Amino acid sequence: PNVLICEGATEAGFARGVYAHAEESNPQLITAVATADAGGEASLVSHATAFAELGYRTAMFCDYDTKLDLSRLPSTTTLIRCDDSKCTEQQVIGALSQDGLRLVLEHGLANSTLQSVVDALVSRGCSSSIVEMIRERNPLRPGELTLARNALWQLAKKEGTKWFKSTTGGEILAEIALRDRDAV
């Protein structure tokens, strides 16, 4: 019995999306791991501790945008964590290619108008011409790609349940990351 305790809905959905992809490649994995949403940082360590004390092989998946107290985490629990100071959206979107950023943008546009997304990205340092270049698949220079990544993760995080702050949103984020990885 293996349990992955996820900080919240985004992380739970992301883990389930990655795991579903792995199951497609190897159907024997279908019952190897169960995911559990801790419902936020405040309950994360206690959930992981409870499962570990019940004898489950336990791992914990969380972002790193706050100072989480890990002092009570059992030493047998594996910690899977974003890089220092990064939330899950920032970690994933920050690693995407330009095509992956286009997929994030398309997902955001499914929930909002083009103008509202462009305005929000411009307010976060990404020009409307960069947004148009992403949409039209025109190559970006490295600095433009960095601006686009930073603006997109900030917007994705702010937009809450409209983008990735749900289990389904996390699954979509995983799908985008996996499609981007497979395209490289």
Protein backbone atom coordinates (compact mmCIF):
# COMPACT_ATOMS: atom_id res chain seq x y z
CA PRO A 1 0.00 0.00 0.00
CA ASN A 2 1.38 3.35 -1.16
CA VAL A 3 -0.17 6.74 -0.51
CA LEU A 4 0.81 10.11 -1.96
CA ILE A 5 -0.44 12.90 0.28
CA CYS A 6 -0.90 16.03 -1.85
CA GLU A 7 -0.98 19.54 -0.41
CA GLY A 8 -4.10 20.59 -2.27
CA ALA A 9 -6.31 20.10 -5.28
CA THR A 10 -3.73 21.28 -7.85
CA GLU A 11 -1.10 18.87 -6.56
CA ALA A 12 -3.60 15.98 -6.25
CA GLY A 13 -4.83 16.53 -9.80
CA PHE A 14 -1.29 16.89 -11.13
CA ALA A 15 -0.21 13.64 -9.45
CA ARG A 16 -3.30 11.82 -10.74
CA GLY A 17 -2.66 13.13 -14.25
CA VAL A 18 0.95 11.96 -14.23
CA TYR A 19 -0.06 8.65 -12.71
CA ALA A 20 -2.82 8.09 -15.29
CA HIS A 21 -0.24 8.63 -18.02
CA ALA A 22 2.06 6.08 -16.38
CA GLU A 23 -0.80 3.57 -16.11
CA GLU A 24 -1.44 3.88 -19.84
CA SER A 25 2.16 2.86 -20.47
CA ASN A 26 2.14 0.11 -17.83
CA PRO A 27 -1.33 -1.19 -16.80
CA GLN A 28 0.22 -3.08 -13.87
CA LEU A 29 0.56 0.26 -12.08
CA ILE A 30 -3.21 0.66 -11.82
CA THR A 31 -3.35 0.00 -8.07
CA ALA A 32 0.18 0.91 -7.04
CA VAL A 33 -0.50 4.34 -5.47
CA ALA A 34 -3.48 6.17 -4.05
CA THR A 35 -3.51 9.95 -3.85
CA ALA A 36 -5.04 11.94 -1.01
CA ASP A 37 -5.74 15.68 -0.98
CA ALA A 38 -4.75 17.11 2.42
CA GLY A 39 -6.91 20.16 1.78
CA GLY A 40 -4.08 22.60 2.26
CA GLU A 41 -0.74 23.11 3.90
CA ALA A 42 -2.11 23.18 7.46
CA SER A 43 -3.18 19.52 7.30
CA LEU A 44 -0.41 18.16 5.11
CA VAL A 45 2.01 16.85 7.74
CA SER A 46 -0.76 15.43 9.95
CA HIS A 47 -2.26 13.53 7.02
CA ALA A 48 1.12 12.13 6.01
CA THR A 49 1.85 11.16 9.62
CA ALA A 50 -1.51 9.41 10.03
CA PHE A 51 -1.01 7.29 6.90
CA ALA A 52 2.59 6.47 7.85
CA GLU A 53 1.49 5.40 11.34
CA LEU A 54 -1.11 3.10 9.76
CA GLY A 55 1.72 1.33 7.96
CA TYR A 56 1.32 2.83 4.51
CA ARG A 57 4.39 3.62 2.48
CA THR A 58 3.87 7.40 2.38
CA ALA A 59 5.10 10.27 0.24
CA MET A 60 4.12 13.92 0.42
CA PHE A 61 3.84 16.26 -2.61
CA CYS A 62 3.75 20.00 -2.02
CA ASP A 63 4.91 23.30 -3.38
CA TYR A 64 7.49 25.47 -1.65
CA ASP A 65 5.98 28.93 -1.61
CA THR A 66 5.66 29.07 2.19
CA LYS A 67 7.68 27.93 5.20
CA LEU A 68 6.04 24.56 5.92
CA ASP A 69 7.05 23.04 9.27
CA LEU A 70 8.34 19.57 8.48
CA SER A 71 9.69 18.82 11.97
CA ARG A 72 6.84 16.36 12.73
CA LEU A 73 7.06 14.55 9.38
CA PRO A 74 8.03 10.89 9.92
CA SER A 75 11.50 10.11 8.60
CA THR A 76 10.01 7.27 6.55
CA THR A 77 7.92 9.72 4.50
CA THR A 78 9.34 10.66 1.11
CA LEU A 79 9.13 14.39 0.39
CA ILE A 80 8.41 15.55 -3.18
CA ARG A 81 8.58 19.31 -3.24
CA CYS A 82 8.88 22.14 -5.73
CA ASP A 83 12.05 24.19 -5.85
CA ASP A 84 12.54 26.79 -3.11
CA SER A 85 10.03 29.67 -3.28
CA LYS A 86 7.99 28.10 -6.09
CA CYS A 87 4.35 27.08 -6.21
CA THR A 88 3.33 24.12 -8.35
CA GLU A 89 2.12 26.31 -11.23
CA GLN A 90 5.40 28.23 -11.27
CA GLN A 91 7.47 25.03 -11.16
CA VAL A 92 5.61 23.43 -14.07
CA ILE A 93 5.00 26.47 -16.26
CA GLY A 94 8.58 27.62 -15.68
CA ALA A 95 9.85 24.43 -17.33
CA LEU A 96 7.60 24.49 -20.39
CA SER A 97 8.70 25.17 -23.94
CA GLN A 98 6.99 27.85 -26.00
CA ASP A 99 4.54 25.24 -27.29
CA GLY A 100 3.72 24.25 -23.72
CA LEU A 101 3.09 27.91 -22.89
CA ARG A 102 0.69 28.04 -25.83
CA LEU A 103 -1.22 25.11 -24.31
CA VAL A 104 -1.42 26.94 -20.96
CA LEU A 105 -2.63 30.06 -22.74
CA GLU A 106 -5.25 28.07 -24.66
CA HIS A 107 -6.48 26.52 -21.42
CA GLY A 108 -6.78 29.98 -19.85
CA LEU A 109 -8.63 31.30 -22.88
CA ALA A 110 -11.19 28.52 -22.55
CA ASN A 111 -12.27 30.19 -19.31
CA SER A 112 -11.88 33.88 -20.16
CA THR A 113 -11.97 36.31 -23.04
CA LEU A 114 -8.86 36.92 -25.10
CA GLN A 115 -8.80 40.59 -24.14
CA SER A 116 -9.06 39.90 -20.40
CA VAL A 117 -6.22 37.36 -20.56
CA VAL A 118 -4.04 39.67 -22.69
CA ASP A 119 -4.70 42.59 -20.32
CA ALA A 120 -3.84 40.43 -17.31
CA LEU A 121 -0.62 39.19 -18.94
CA VAL A 122 0.38 42.72 -19.97
CA SER A 123 -0.12 43.87 -16.37
CA ARG A 124 2.37 41.13 -15.39
CA GLY A 125 5.08 42.26 -17.82
CA CYS A 126 4.26 40.27 -20.96
CA SER A 127 3.48 42.41 -23.99
CA SER A 128 0.46 41.75 -26.19
CA SER A 129 2.84 41.12 -29.11
CA ILE A 130 4.47 38.25 -27.16
CA VAL A 131 1.03 36.78 -26.45
CA GLU A 132 0.20 36.98 -30.15
CA MET A 133 3.53 35.36 -31.07
CA ILE A 134 2.76 32.46 -28.72
CA ARG A 135 -0.73 32.02 -30.16
CA GLU A 136 0.59 32.08 -33.75
CA ARG A 137 3.56 29.82 -32.91
CA ASN A 138 6.11 32.41 -33.96
CA PRO A 139 9.46 31.85 -32.23
CA LEU A 140 10.27 33.93 -29.17
CA ARG A 141 13.68 35.14 -28.09
CA PRO A 142 14.89 33.80 -24.72
CA GLY A 143 14.02 37.01 -22.84
CA GLU A 144 10.52 37.05 -24.32
CA LEU A 145 10.04 33.41 -23.35
CA THR A 146 11.03 34.23 -19.77
CA LEU A 147 8.57 37.14 -19.63
CA ALA A 148 5.80 34.90 -20.98
CA ARG A 149 6.54 32.10 -18.49
CA ASN A 150 6.58 34.48 -15.52
CA ALA A 151 3.37 36.24 -16.52
CA LEU A 152 1.53 32.98 -17.28
CA TRP A 153 2.33 31.29 -13.98
CA GLN A 154 1.39 34.43 -12.04
CA LEU A 155 -1.91 34.62 -13.87
CA ALA A 156 -2.56 30.89 -13.58
CA LYS A 157 -2.00 31.03 -9.83
CA LYS A 158 -4.18 34.15 -9.40
CA GLU A 159 -7.07 32.81 -11.44
CA GLY A 160 -7.75 30.09 -8.86
CA THR A 161 -10.23 27.43 -9.88
CA LYS A 162 -10.62 28.93 -13.37
CA TRP A 163 -7.17 27.66 -14.42
CA PHE A 164 -5.43 25.04 -12.28
CA LYS A 165 -6.62 25.38 -8.68
CA SER A 166 -8.77 22.26 -8.74
CA THR A 167 -8.24 18.54 -9.15
CA THR A 168 -9.31 18.75 -12.79
CA GLY A 169 -7.10 21.79 -13.32
CA GLY A 170 -4.13 19.91 -11.88
CA GLU A 171 -4.84 17.00 -14.23
CA ILE A 172 -4.89 19.45 -17.15
CA LEU A 173 -1.59 20.96 -15.99
CA ALA A 174 -0.07 17.46 -15.91
CA GLU A 175 -1.41 16.74 -19.40
CA ILE A 176 0.15 19.97 -20.69
CA ALA A 177 3.50 19.16 -19.06
CA LEU A 178 3.49 15.60 -20.44
CA ARG A 179 2.49 16.70 -23.95
CA ASP A 180 5.22 19.32 -23.86
CA ARG A 181 7.80 16.79 -22.69
CA ASP A 182 6.77 14.28 -25.36
CA ALA A 183 6.99 16.93 -28.08
CA VAL A 184 10.61 17.80 -27.26
